[in-house]
Amino acid sequence: MAWLILVLSGSLEAVWAAALHRTTQASGRRRIAPAVVFLISVLASTGGLAVAMQSIPTGTAYAVWVGVGVVLTSAYAMIAKVEPATRGRILLLGGIVACVAGLKLVV
């Protein structure tokens, strides 16, 4: 159960990063809805990490949380055309996925 909570919390990390990206308009004004999504998802994400760390070693839990978050955030950025989807970038993100899966196997 702790692993499921950890992966969901990592997914919420991508949600809050995307919401943070959307909080400011081109005119410089702040948007309220993305700011609320940011606050709720960052609290749920770190809360889930704290719960998962009760059963999973701290270093492993943090690495998985960040790994899931960075891969999903990067995927979002590539789909939204904020970052280019180059072969090298996709290959390196695949390496992160492999390393995160490897951490699950050795714990």
PDB file of N, CA and C in Angstrom:
ATOM      1  N   MET A   1       0.817  -1.200   0.000  1.00  0.00           N
ATOM      2  CA  MET A   1       0.000   0.000   0.000  1.00  0.00           C
ATOM      3  C   MET A   1       0.859   1.262   0.000  1.00  0.00           C
ATOM      4  N   ALA A   2       1.999   1.198   0.730  1.00  0.00           N
ATOM      5  CA  ALA A   2       2.879   2.367   0.795  1.00  0.00           C
ATOM      6  C   ALA A   2       3.427   2.727  -0.581  1.00  0.00           C
ATOM      7  N   TRP A   3       3.718   1.722  -1.406  1.00  0.00           N
ATOM      8  CA  TRP A   3       4.236   1.986  -2.746  1.00  0.00           C
ATOM      9  C   TRP A   3       3.190   2.658  -3.622  1.00  0.00           C
ATOM     10  N   LEU A   4       1.950   2.237  -3.496  1.00  0.00           N
ATOM     11  CA  LEU A   4       0.874   2.866  -4.262  1.00  0.00           C
ATOM     12  C   LEU A   4       0.713   4.326  -3.848  1.00  0.00           C
ATOM     13  N   ILE A   5       0.724   4.575  -2.549  1.00  0.00           N
ATOM     14  CA  ILE A   5       0.629   5.945  -2.040  1.00  0.00           C
ATOM     15  C   ILE A   5       1.801   6.775  -2.558  1.00  0.00           C
ATOM     16  N   LEU A   6       2.989   6.174  -2.572  1.00  0.00           N
ATOM     17  CA  LEU A   6       4.178   6.891  -3.036  1.00  0.00           C
ATOM     18  C   LEU A   6       4.075   7.264  -4.511  1.00  0.00           C
ATOM     19  N   VAL A   7       3.639   6.327  -5.343  1.00  0.00           N
ATOM     20  CA  VAL A   7       3.506   6.617  -6.778  1.00  0.00           C
ATOM     21  C   VAL A   7       2.419   7.663  -7.025  1.00  0.00           C
ATOM     22  N   LEU A   8       1.305   7.565  -6.309  1.00  0.00           N
ATOM     23  CA  LEU A   8       0.252   8.575  -6.455  1.00  0.00           C
ATOM     24  C   LEU A   8       0.739   9.946  -5.987  1.00  0.00           C
ATOM     25  N   SER A   9       1.528   9.968  -4.921  1.00  0.00           N
ATOM     26  CA  SER A   9       2.082  11.232  -4.426  1.00  0.00           C
ATOM     27  C   SER A   9       3.060  11.824  -5.430  1.00  0.00           C
ATOM     28  N   GLY A  10       3.852  10.974  -6.065  1.00  0.00           N
ATOM     29  CA  GLY A  10       4.746  11.449  -7.124  1.00  0.00           C
ATOM     30  C   GLY A  10       3.969  12.006  -8.300  1.00  0.00           C
ATOM     31  N   SER A  11       2.842  11.375  -8.600  1.00  0.00           N
ATOM     32  CA  SER A  11       1.983  11.874  -9.681  1.00  0.00           C
ATOM     33  C   SER A  11       1.423  13.251  -9.334  1.00  0.00           C
ATOM     34  N   LEU A  12       1.078  13.433  -8.076  1.00  0.00           N
ATOM     35  CA  LEU A  12       0.585  14.744  -7.645  1.00  0.00           C
ATOM     36  C   LEU A  12       1.681  15.804  -7.720  1.00  0.00           C
ATOM     37  N   GLU A  13       2.925  15.384  -7.626  1.00  0.00           N
ATOM     38  CA  GLU A  13       4.024  16.333  -7.795  1.00  0.00           C
ATOM     39  C   GLU A  13       3.976  16.931  -9.204  1.00  0.00           C
ATOM     40  N   ALA A  14       3.669  16.091 -10.186  1.00  0.00           N
ATOM     41  CA  ALA A  14       3.534  16.590 -11.558  1.00  0.00           C
ATOM     42  C   ALA A  14       2.333  17.527 -11.679  1.00  0.00           C
ATOM     43  N   VAL A  15       1.262  17.222 -10.946  1.00  0.00           N
ATOM     44  CA  VAL A  15       0.074  18.089 -10.974  1.00  0.00           C
ATOM     45  C   VAL A  15       0.419  19.470 -10.423  1.00  0.00           C
ATOM     46  N   TRP A  16       1.093  19.509  -9.275  1.00  0.00           N
ATOM     47  CA  TRP A  16       1.382  20.832  -8.714  1.00  0.00           C
ATOM     48  C   TRP A  16       2.390  21.596  -9.547  1.00  0.00           C
ATOM     49  N   ALA A  17       3.326  20.894 -10.191  1.00  0.00           N
ATOM     50  CA  ALA A  17       4.277  21.589 -11.060  1.00  0.00           C
ATOM     51  C   ALA A  17       3.567  22.194 -12.275  1.00  0.00           C
ATOM     52  N   ALA A  18       2.644  21.437 -12.857  1.00  0.00           N
ATOM     53  CA  ALA A  18       1.884  21.953 -14.001  1.00  0.00           C
ATOM     54  C   ALA A  18       0.987  23.113 -13.575  1.00  0.00           C
ATOM     55  N   ALA A  19       0.365  22.990 -12.413  1.00  0.00           N
ATOM     56  CA  ALA A  19      -0.493  24.074 -11.917  1.00  0.00           C
ATOM     57  C   ALA A  19       0.336  25.328 -11.636  1.00  0.00           C
ATOM     58  N   LEU A  20       1.513  25.145 -11.095  1.00  0.00           N
ATOM     59  CA  LEU A  20       2.387  26.288 -10.823  1.00  0.00           C
ATOM     60  C   LEU A  20       2.759  26.996 -12.125  1.00  0.00           C
ATOM     61  N   HIS A  21       2.985  26.218 -13.163  1.00  0.00           N
ATOM     62  CA  HIS A  21       3.294  26.792 -14.474  1.00  0.00           C
ATOM     63  C   HIS A  21       2.132  27.630 -15.007  1.00  0.00           C
ATOM     64  N   ARG A  22       0.915  27.259 -14.657  1.00  0.00           N
ATOM     65  CA  ARG A  22      -0.277  27.934 -15.183  1.00  0.00           C
ATOM     66  C   ARG A  22      -0.792  29.056 -14.281  1.00  0.00           C
ATOM     67  N   THR A  23      -0.135  29.322 -13.162  1.00  0.00           N
ATOM     68  CA  THR A  23      -0.664  30.337 -12.239  1.00  0.00           C
ATOM     69  C   THR A  23      -0.502  31.762 -12.739  1.00  0.00           C
ATOM     70  N   THR A  24       0.456  32.008 -13.619  1.00  0.00           N
ATOM     71  CA  THR A  24       0.682  33.368 -14.090  1.00  0.00           C
ATOM     72  C   THR A  24       0.309  33.488 -15.558  1.00  0.00           C
ATOM     73  N   GLN A  25      -0.487  34.473 -15.878  1.00  0.00           N
ATOM     74  CA  GLN A  25      -0.867  34.749 -17.262  1.00  0.00           C
ATOM     75  C   GLN A  25       0.245  35.529 -17.947  1.00  0.00           C
ATOM     76  N   ALA A  26       0.159  35.615 -19.260  1.00  0.00           N
ATOM     77  CA  ALA A  26       1.155  36.380 -20.021  1.00  0.00           C
ATOM     78  C   ALA A  26       1.185  37.844 -19.582  1.00  0.00           C
ATOM     79  N   SER A  27       0.050  38.362 -19.124  1.00  0.00           N
ATOM     80  CA  SER A  27      -0.019  39.754 -18.677  1.00  0.00           C
ATOM     81  C   SER A  27       0.600  39.959 -17.303  1.00  0.00           C
ATOM     82  N   GLY A  28       0.981  38.869 -16.639  1.00  0.00           N
ATOM     83  CA  GLY A  28       1.571  38.976 -15.312  1.00  0.00           C
ATOM     84  C   GLY A  28       0.568  38.810 -14.187  1.00  0.00           C
ATOM     85  N   ARG A  29      -0.715  38.739 -14.515  1.00  0.00           N
ATOM     86  CA  ARG A  29      -1.751  38.561 -13.482  1.00  0.00           C
ATOM     87  C   ARG A  29      -1.771  37.111 -13.017  1.00  0.00           C
ATOM     88  N   ARG A  30      -2.146  36.920 -11.783  1.00  0.00           N
ATOM     89  CA  ARG A  30      -2.231  35.577 -11.195  1.00  0.00           C
ATOM     90  C   ARG A  30      -3.596  34.969 -11.458  1.00  0.00           C
ATOM     91  N   ARG A  31      -3.621  33.674 -11.717  1.00  0.00           N
ATOM     92  CA  ARG A  31      -4.863  32.934 -11.874  1.00  0.00           C
ATOM     93  C   ARG A  31      -5.149  32.214 -10.564  1.00  0.00           C
ATOM     94  N   ILE A  32      -6.386  32.274 -10.117  1.00  0.00           N
ATOM     95  CA  ILE A  32      -6.760  31.696  -8.828  1.00  0.00           C
ATOM     96  C   ILE A  32      -6.902  30.182  -8.893  1.00  0.00           C
ATOM     97  N   ALA A  33      -7.603  29.653  -9.894  1.00  0.00           N
ATOM     98  CA  ALA A  33      -7.866  28.207  -9.951  1.00  0.00           C
ATOM     99  C   ALA A  33      -6.578  27.386  -9.974  1.00  0.00           C
ATOM    100  N   PRO A  34      -5.596  27.690 -10.833  1.00  0.00           N
ATOM    101  CA  PRO A  34      -4.360  26.909 -10.791  1.00  0.00           C
ATOM    102  C   PRO A  34      -3.617  27.053  -9.462  1.00  0.00           C
ATOM    103  N   ALA A  35      -3.726  28.223  -8.831  1.00  0.00           N
ATOM    104  CA  ALA A  35      -3.077  28.420  -7.535  1.00  0.00           C
ATOM    105  C   ALA A  35      -3.705  27.520  -6.475  1.00  0.00           C
ATOM    106  N   VAL A  36      -5.014  27.371  -6.515  1.00  0.00           N
ATOM    107  CA  VAL A  36      -5.707  26.487  -5.567  1.00  0.00           C
ATOM    108  C   VAL A  36      -5.321  25.034  -5.837  1.00  0.00           C
ATOM    109  N   VAL A  37      -5.298  24.649  -7.115  1.00  0.00           N
ATOM    110  CA  VAL A  37      -4.877  23.286  -7.478  1.00  0.00           C
ATOM    111  C   VAL A  37      -3.449  23.048  -7.002  1.00  0.00           C
ATOM    112  N   PHE A  38      -2.585  24.030  -7.178  1.00  0.00           N
ATOM    113  CA  PHE A  38      -1.201  23.923  -6.710  1.00  0.00           C
ATOM    114  C   PHE A  38      -1.154  23.658  -5.209  1.00  0.00           C
ATOM    115  N   LEU A  39      -1.840  24.474  -4.442  1.00  0.00           N
ATOM    116  CA  LEU A  39      -1.790  24.336  -2.984  1.00  0.00           C
ATOM    117  C   LEU A  39      -2.321  22.986  -2.505  1.00  0.00           C
ATOM    118  N   ILE A  40      -3.440  22.572  -3.046  1.00  0.00           N
ATOM    119  CA  ILE A  40      -4.032  21.296  -2.634  1.00  0.00           C
ATOM    120  C   ILE A  40      -3.131  20.130  -3.028  1.00  0.00           C
ATOM    121  N   SER A  41      -2.628  20.155  -4.268  1.00  0.00           N
ATOM    122  CA  SER A  41      -1.822  19.020  -4.727  1.00  0.00           C
ATOM    123  C   SER A  41      -0.449  18.971  -4.053  1.00  0.00           C
ATOM    124  N   VAL A  42       0.146  20.118  -3.739  1.00  0.00           N
ATOM    125  CA  VAL A  42       1.447  20.088  -3.065  1.00  0.00           C
ATOM    126  C   VAL A  42       1.286  19.554  -1.638  1.00  0.00           C
ATOM    127  N   LEU A  43       0.205  19.910  -0.976  1.00  0.00           N
ATOM    128  CA  LEU A  43      -0.038  19.383   0.374  1.00  0.00           C
ATOM    129  C   LEU A  43      -0.317  17.882   0.339  1.00  0.00           C
ATOM    130  N   ALA A  44      -1.137  17.437  -0.598  1.00  0.00           N
ATOM    131  CA  ALA A  44      -1.437  16.009  -0.713  1.00  0.00           C
ATOM    132  C   ALA A  44      -0.199  15.220  -1.128  1.00  0.00           C
ATOM    133  N   SER A  45       0.601  15.782  -2.018  1.00  0.00           N
ATOM    134  CA  SER A  45       1.796  15.103  -2.493  1.00  0.00           C
ATOM    135  C   SER A  45       2.813  14.896  -1.367  1.00  0.00           C
ATOM    136  N   THR A  46       3.113  15.952  -0.642  1.00  0.00           N
ATOM    137  CA  THR A  46       4.084  15.815   0.449  1.00  0.00           C
ATOM    138  C   THR A  46       3.512  15.007   1.604  1.00  0.00           C
ATOM    139  N   GLY A  47       2.220  15.105   1.827  1.00  0.00           N
ATOM    140  CA  GLY A  47       1.587  14.277   2.855  1.00  0.00           C
ATOM    141  C   GLY A  47       1.666  12.800   2.518  1.00  0.00           C
ATOM    142  N   GLY A  48       1.420  12.466   1.260  1.00  0.00           N
ATOM    143  CA  GLY A  48       1.537  11.075   0.829  1.00  0.00           C
ATOM    144  C   GLY A  48       2.961  10.575   0.940  1.00  0.00           C
ATOM    145  N   LEU A  49       3.927  11.427   0.612  1.00  0.00           N
ATOM    146  CA  LEU A  49       5.332  11.054   0.778  1.00  0.00           C
ATOM    147  C   LEU A  49       5.632  10.746   2.236  1.00  0.00           C
ATOM    148  N   ALA A  50       5.132  11.572   3.138  1.00  0.00           N
ATOM    149  CA  ALA A  50       5.361  11.353   4.569  1.00  0.00           C
ATOM    150  C   ALA A  50       4.767  10.028   5.028  1.00  0.00           C
ATOM    151  N   VAL A  51       3.582   9.705   4.541  1.00  0.00           N
ATOM    152  CA  VAL A  51       2.942   8.430   4.909  1.00  0.00           C
ATOM    153  C   VAL A  51       3.754   7.261   4.366  1.00  0.00           C
ATOM    154  N   ALA A  52       4.180   7.343   3.113  1.00  0.00           N
ATOM    155  CA  ALA A  52       4.942   6.257   2.489  1.00  0.00           C
ATOM    156  C   ALA A  52       6.281   6.046   3.181  1.00  0.00           C
ATOM    157  N   MET A  53       6.880   7.122   3.666  1.00  0.00           N
ATOM    158  CA  MET A  53       8.189   7.020   4.309  1.00  0.00           C
ATOM    159  C   MET A  53       8.131   6.311   5.658  1.00  0.00           C
ATOM    160  N   GLN A  54       6.947   6.046   6.157  1.00  0.00           N
ATOM    161  CA  GLN A  54       6.832   5.264   7.382  1.00  0.00           C
ATOM    162  C   GLN A  54       7.141   3.796   7.132  1.00  0.00           C
ATOM    163  N   SER A  55       6.999   3.334   5.872  1.00  0.00           N
ATOM    164  CA  SER A  55       7.232   1.936   5.528  1.00  0.00           C
ATOM    165  C   SER A  55       8.379   1.723   4.555  1.00  0.00           C
ATOM    166  N   ILE A  56       8.750   2.756   3.819  1.00  0.00           N
ATOM    167  CA  ILE A  56       9.790   2.664   2.799  1.00  0.00           C
ATOM    168  C   ILE A  56      10.967   3.517   3.270  1.00  0.00           C
ATOM    169  N   PRO A  57      12.196   3.018   3.090  1.00  0.00           N
ATOM    170  CA  PRO A  57      13.353   3.822   3.502  1.00  0.00           C
ATOM    171  C   PRO A  57      13.331   5.224   2.889  1.00  0.00           C
ATOM    172  N   THR A  58      13.757   6.203   3.658  1.00  0.00           N
ATOM    173  CA  THR A  58      13.663   7.601   3.281  1.00  0.00           C
ATOM    174  C   THR A  58      14.295   7.906   1.917  1.00  0.00           C
ATOM    175  N   GLY A  59      15.526   7.479   1.717  1.00  0.00           N
ATOM    176  CA  GLY A  59      16.211   7.767   0.460  1.00  0.00           C
ATOM    177  C   GLY A  59      15.507   7.156  -0.737  1.00  0.00           C
ATOM    178  N   THR A  60      15.045   5.927  -0.573  1.00  0.00           N
ATOM    179  CA  THR A  60      14.330   5.247  -1.647  1.00  0.00           C
ATOM    180  C   THR A  60      13.012   5.935  -1.935  1.00  0.00           C
ATOM    181  N   ALA A  61      12.267   6.242  -0.891  1.00  0.00           N
ATOM    182  CA  ALA A  61      10.966   6.889  -1.069  1.00  0.00           C
ATOM    183  C   ALA A  61      11.124   8.240  -1.759  1.00  0.00           C
ATOM    184  N   TYR A  62      12.099   9.012  -1.329  1.00  0.00           N
ATOM    185  CA  TYR A  62      12.289  10.333  -1.924  1.00  0.00           C
ATOM    186  C   TYR A  62      12.711  10.216  -3.384  1.00  0.00           C
ATOM    187  N   ALA A  63      13.617   9.293  -3.685  1.00  0.00           N
ATOM    188  CA  ALA A  63      14.071   9.115  -5.070  1.00  0.00           C
ATOM    189  C   ALA A  63      12.920   8.685  -5.980  1.00  0.00           C
ATOM    190  N   VAL A  64      12.069   7.793  -5.501  1.00  0.00           N
ATOM    191  CA  VAL A  64      10.929   7.347  -6.305  1.00  0.00           C
ATOM    192  C   VAL A  64       9.945   8.495  -6.491  1.00  0.00           C
ATOM    193  N   TRP A  65       9.655   9.222  -5.428  1.00  0.00           N
ATOM    194  CA  TRP A  65       8.724  10.360  -5.482  1.00  0.00           C
ATOM    195  C   TRP A  65       9.194  11.396  -6.501  1.00  0.00           C
ATOM    196  N   VAL A  66      10.463  11.754  -6.425  1.00  0.00           N
ATOM    197  CA  VAL A  66      11.014  12.742  -7.357  1.00  0.00           C
ATOM    198  C   VAL A  66      11.061  12.171  -8.773  1.00  0.00           C
ATOM    199  N   GLY A  67      11.447  10.903  -8.897  1.00  0.00           N
ATOM    200  CA  GLY A  67      11.529  10.279 -10.220  1.00  0.00           C
ATOM    201  C   GLY A  67      10.191  10.240 -10.928  1.00  0.00           C
ATOM    202  N   VAL A  68       9.159   9.820 -10.212  1.00  0.00           N
ATOM    203  CA  VAL A  68       7.813   9.799 -10.801  1.00  0.00           C
ATOM    204  C   VAL A  68       7.400  11.216 -11.172  1.00  0.00           C
ATOM    205  N   GLY A  69       7.646  12.151 -10.284  1.00  0.00           N
ATOM    206  CA  GLY A  69       7.271  13.540 -10.544  1.00  0.00           C
ATOM    207  C   GLY A  69       7.989  14.136 -11.737  1.00  0.00           C
ATOM    208  N   VAL A  70       9.289  13.909 -11.855  1.00  0.00           N
ATOM    209  CA  VAL A  70      10.047  14.506 -12.952  1.00  0.00           C
ATOM    210  C   VAL A  70       9.669  13.882 -14.288  1.00  0.00           C
ATOM    211  N   VAL A  71       9.439  12.583 -14.319  1.00  0.00           N
ATOM    212  CA  VAL A  71       9.064  11.943 -15.579  1.00  0.00           C
ATOM    213  C   VAL A  71       7.685  12.436 -16.034  1.00  0.00           C
ATOM    214  N   LEU A  72       6.724  12.480 -15.124  1.00  0.00           N
ATOM    215  CA  LEU A  72       5.382  12.935 -15.508  1.00  0.00           C
ATOM    216  C   LEU A  72       5.355  14.425 -15.835  1.00  0.00           C
ATOM    217  N   THR A  73       6.118  15.223 -15.098  1.00  0.00           N
ATOM    218  CA  THR A  73       6.177  16.655 -15.384  1.00  0.00           C
ATOM    219  C   THR A  73       6.811  16.897 -16.753  1.00  0.00           C
ATOM    220  N   SER A  74       7.876  16.181 -17.049  1.00  0.00           N
ATOM    221  CA  SER A  74       8.526  16.321 -18.352  1.00  0.00           C
ATOM    222  C   SER A  74       7.617  15.848 -19.477  1.00  0.00           C
ATOM    223  N   ALA A  75       6.902  14.750 -19.246  1.00  0.00           N
ATOM    224  CA  ALA A  75       5.956  14.263 -20.260  1.00  0.00           C
ATOM    225  C   ALA A  75       4.879  15.310 -20.521  1.00  0.00           C
ATOM    226  N   TYR A  76       4.349  15.897 -19.461  1.00  0.00           N
ATOM    227  CA  TYR A  76       3.355  16.964 -19.617  1.00  0.00           C
ATOM    228  C   TYR A  76       3.928  18.118 -20.434  1.00  0.00           C
ATOM    229  N   ALA A  77       5.162  18.531 -20.102  1.00  0.00           N
ATOM    230  CA  ALA A  77       5.779  19.660 -20.795  1.00  0.00           C
ATOM    231  C   ALA A  77       5.997  19.352 -22.276  1.00  0.00           C
ATOM    232  N   MET A  78       6.327  18.107 -22.591  1.00  0.00           N
ATOM    233  CA  MET A  78       6.514  17.739 -23.995  1.00  0.00           C
ATOM    234  C   MET A  78       5.181  17.681 -24.734  1.00  0.00           C
ATOM    235  N   ILE A  79       4.160  17.151 -24.085  1.00  0.00           N
ATOM    236  CA  ILE A  79       2.833  17.086 -24.709  1.00  0.00           C
ATOM    237  C   ILE A  79       2.266  18.490 -24.921  1.00  0.00           C
ATOM    238  N   ALA A  80       2.502  19.380 -23.943  1.00  0.00           N
ATOM    239  CA  ALA A  80       2.008  20.760 -24.033  1.00  0.00           C
ATOM    240  C   ALA A  80       2.896  21.632 -24.923  1.00  0.00           C
ATOM    241  N   LYS A  81       3.940  21.056 -25.490  1.00  0.00           N
ATOM    242  CA  LYS A  81       4.864  21.766 -26.388  1.00  0.00           C
ATOM    243  C   LYS A  81       5.647  22.874 -25.681  1.00  0.00           C
ATOM    244  N   VAL A  82       5.840  22.731 -24.362  1.00  0.00           N
ATOM    245  CA  VAL A  82       6.644  23.683 -23.613  1.00  0.00           C
ATOM    246  C   VAL A  82       8.119  23.308 -23.745  1.00  0.00           C
ATOM    247  N   GLU A  83       8.398  22.005 -23.855  1.00  0.00           N
ATOM    248  CA  GLU A  83       9.754  21.485 -24.050  1.00  0.00           C
ATOM    249  C   GLU A  83       9.754  20.596 -25.287  1.00  0.00           C
ATOM    250  N   PRO A  84      10.880  20.524 -25.973  1.00  0.00           N
ATOM    251  CA  PRO A  84      10.926  19.639 -27.137  1.00  0.00           C
ATOM    252  C   PRO A  84      10.995  18.166 -26.720  1.00  0.00           C
ATOM    253  N   ALA A  85      10.364  17.316 -27.497  1.00  0.00           N
ATOM    254  CA  ALA A  85      10.380  15.873 -27.235  1.00  0.00           C
ATOM    255  C   ALA A  85      11.469  15.235 -28.092  1.00  0.00           C
ATOM    256  N   THR A  86      12.708  15.439 -27.701  1.00  0.00           N
ATOM    257  CA  THR A  86      13.824  14.885 -28.462  1.00  0.00           C
ATOM    258  C   THR A  86      14.069  13.436 -28.076  1.00  0.00           C
ATOM    259  N   ARG A  87      14.760  12.709 -28.967  1.00  0.00           N
ATOM    260  CA  ARG A  87      15.081  11.309 -28.666  1.00  0.00           C
ATOM    261  C   ARG A  87      15.932  11.195 -27.417  1.00  0.00           C
ATOM    262  N   GLY A  88      16.893  12.087 -27.282  1.00  0.00           N
ATOM    263  CA  GLY A  88      17.770  12.060 -26.117  1.00  0.00           C
ATOM    264  C   GLY A  88      17.010  12.271 -24.814  1.00  0.00           C
ATOM    265  N   ARG A  89      16.102  13.234 -24.823  1.00  0.00           N
ATOM    266  CA  ARG A  89      15.298  13.520 -23.629  1.00  0.00           C
ATOM    267  C   ARG A  89      14.439  12.312 -23.250  1.00  0.00           C
ATOM    268  N   ILE A  90      13.800  11.717 -24.241  1.00  0.00           N
ATOM    269  CA  ILE A  90      12.941  10.552 -23.984  1.00  0.00           C
ATOM    270  C   ILE A  90      13.776   9.377 -23.491  1.00  0.00           C
ATOM    271  N   LEU A  91      14.959   9.168 -24.066  1.00  0.00           N
ATOM    272  CA  LEU A  91      15.845   8.092 -23.633  1.00  0.00           C
ATOM    273  C   LEU A  91      16.282   8.288 -22.187  1.00  0.00           C
ATOM    274  N   LEU A  92      16.658   9.495 -21.836  1.00  0.00           N
ATOM    275  CA  LEU A  92      17.096   9.779 -20.468  1.00  0.00           C
ATOM    276  C   LEU A  92      15.950   9.647 -19.466  1.00  0.00           C
ATOM    277  N   LEU A  93      14.746  10.070 -19.841  1.00  0.00           N
ATOM    278  CA  LEU A  93      13.591   9.880 -18.963  1.00  0.00           C
ATOM    279  C   LEU A  93      13.301   8.393 -18.784  1.00  0.00           C
ATOM    280  N   GLY A  94      13.488   7.615 -19.848  1.00  0.00           N
ATOM    281  CA  GLY A  94      13.347   6.161 -19.734  1.00  0.00           C
ATOM    282  C   GLY A  94      14.357   5.582 -18.749  1.00  0.00           C
ATOM    283  N   GLY A  95      15.545   6.160 -18.721  1.00  0.00           N
ATOM    284  CA  GLY A  95      16.552   5.739 -17.743  1.00  0.00           C
ATOM    285  C   GLY A  95      16.112   6.012 -16.317  1.00  0.00           C
ATOM    286  N   ILE A  96      15.461   7.147 -16.114  1.00  0.00           N
ATOM    287  CA  ILE A  96      14.942   7.460 -14.776  1.00  0.00           C
ATOM    288  C   ILE A  96      13.882   6.440 -14.381  1.00  0.00           C
ATOM    289  N   VAL A  97      12.990   6.108 -15.311  1.00  0.00           N
ATOM    290  CA  VAL A  97      11.954   5.108 -15.037  1.00  0.00           C
ATOM    291  C   VAL A  97      12.603   3.775 -14.665  1.00  0.00           C
ATOM    292  N   ALA A  98      13.629   3.373 -15.401  1.00  0.00           N
ATOM    293  CA  ALA A  98      14.313   2.108 -15.110  1.00  0.00           C
ATOM    294  C   ALA A  98      14.959   2.139 -13.724  1.00  0.00           C
ATOM    295  N   CYS A  99      15.573   3.264 -13.372  1.00  0.00           N
ATOM    296  CA  CYS A  99      16.200   3.372 -12.063  1.00  0.00           C
ATOM    297  C   CYS A  99      15.168   3.337 -10.931  1.00  0.00           C
ATOM    298  N   VAL A 100      14.037   4.008 -11.120  1.00  0.00           N
ATOM    299  CA  VAL A 100      12.970   3.996 -10.106  1.00  0.00           C
ATOM    300  C   VAL A 100      12.436   2.584  -9.935  1.00  0.00           C
ATOM    301  N   ALA A 101      12.208   1.877 -11.056  1.00  0.00           N
ATOM    302  CA  ALA A 101      11.747   0.493 -10.971  1.00  0.00           C
ATOM    303  C   ALA A 101      12.796  -0.370 -10.289  1.00  0.00           C
ATOM    304  N   GLY A 102      14.067  -0.114 -10.558  1.00  0.00           N
ATOM    305  CA  GLY A 102      15.143  -0.860  -9.904  1.00  0.00           C
ATOM    306  C   GLY A 102      15.158  -0.653  -8.405  1.00  0.00           C
ATOM    307  N   LEU A 103      14.848   0.562  -7.947  1.00  0.00           N
ATOM    308  CA  LEU A 103      14.798   0.807  -6.504  1.00  0.00           C
ATOM    309  C   LEU A 103      13.704  -0.026  -5.849  1.00  0.00           C
ATOM    310  N   LYS A 104      12.589  -0.200  -6.532  1.00  0.00           N
ATOM    311  CA  LYS A 104      11.507  -1.038  -5.996  1.00  0.00           C
ATOM    312  C   LYS A 104      11.977  -2.476  -5.871  1.00  0.00           C
ATOM    313  N   LEU A 105      12.759  -2.930  -6.838  1.00  0.00           N
ATOM    314  CA  LEU A 105      13.205  -4.329  -6.842  1.00  0.00           C
ATOM    315  C   LEU A 105      14.222  -4.636  -5.755  1.00  0.00           C
ATOM    316  N   VAL A 106      15.042  -3.661  -5.370  1.00  0.00           N
ATOM    317  CA  VAL A 106      16.097  -3.935  -4.393  1.00  0.00           C
ATOM    318  C   VAL A 106      15.693  -3.640  -2.955  1.00  0.00           C
ATOM    319  N   VAL A 107      14.531  -3.066  -2.734  1.00  0.00           N
ATOM    320  CA  VAL A 107      14.092  -2.766  -1.357  1.00  0.00           C
ATOM    321  C   VAL A 107      13.375  -3.953  -0.771  1.00  0.00           C
TER     322      VAL A 107
END
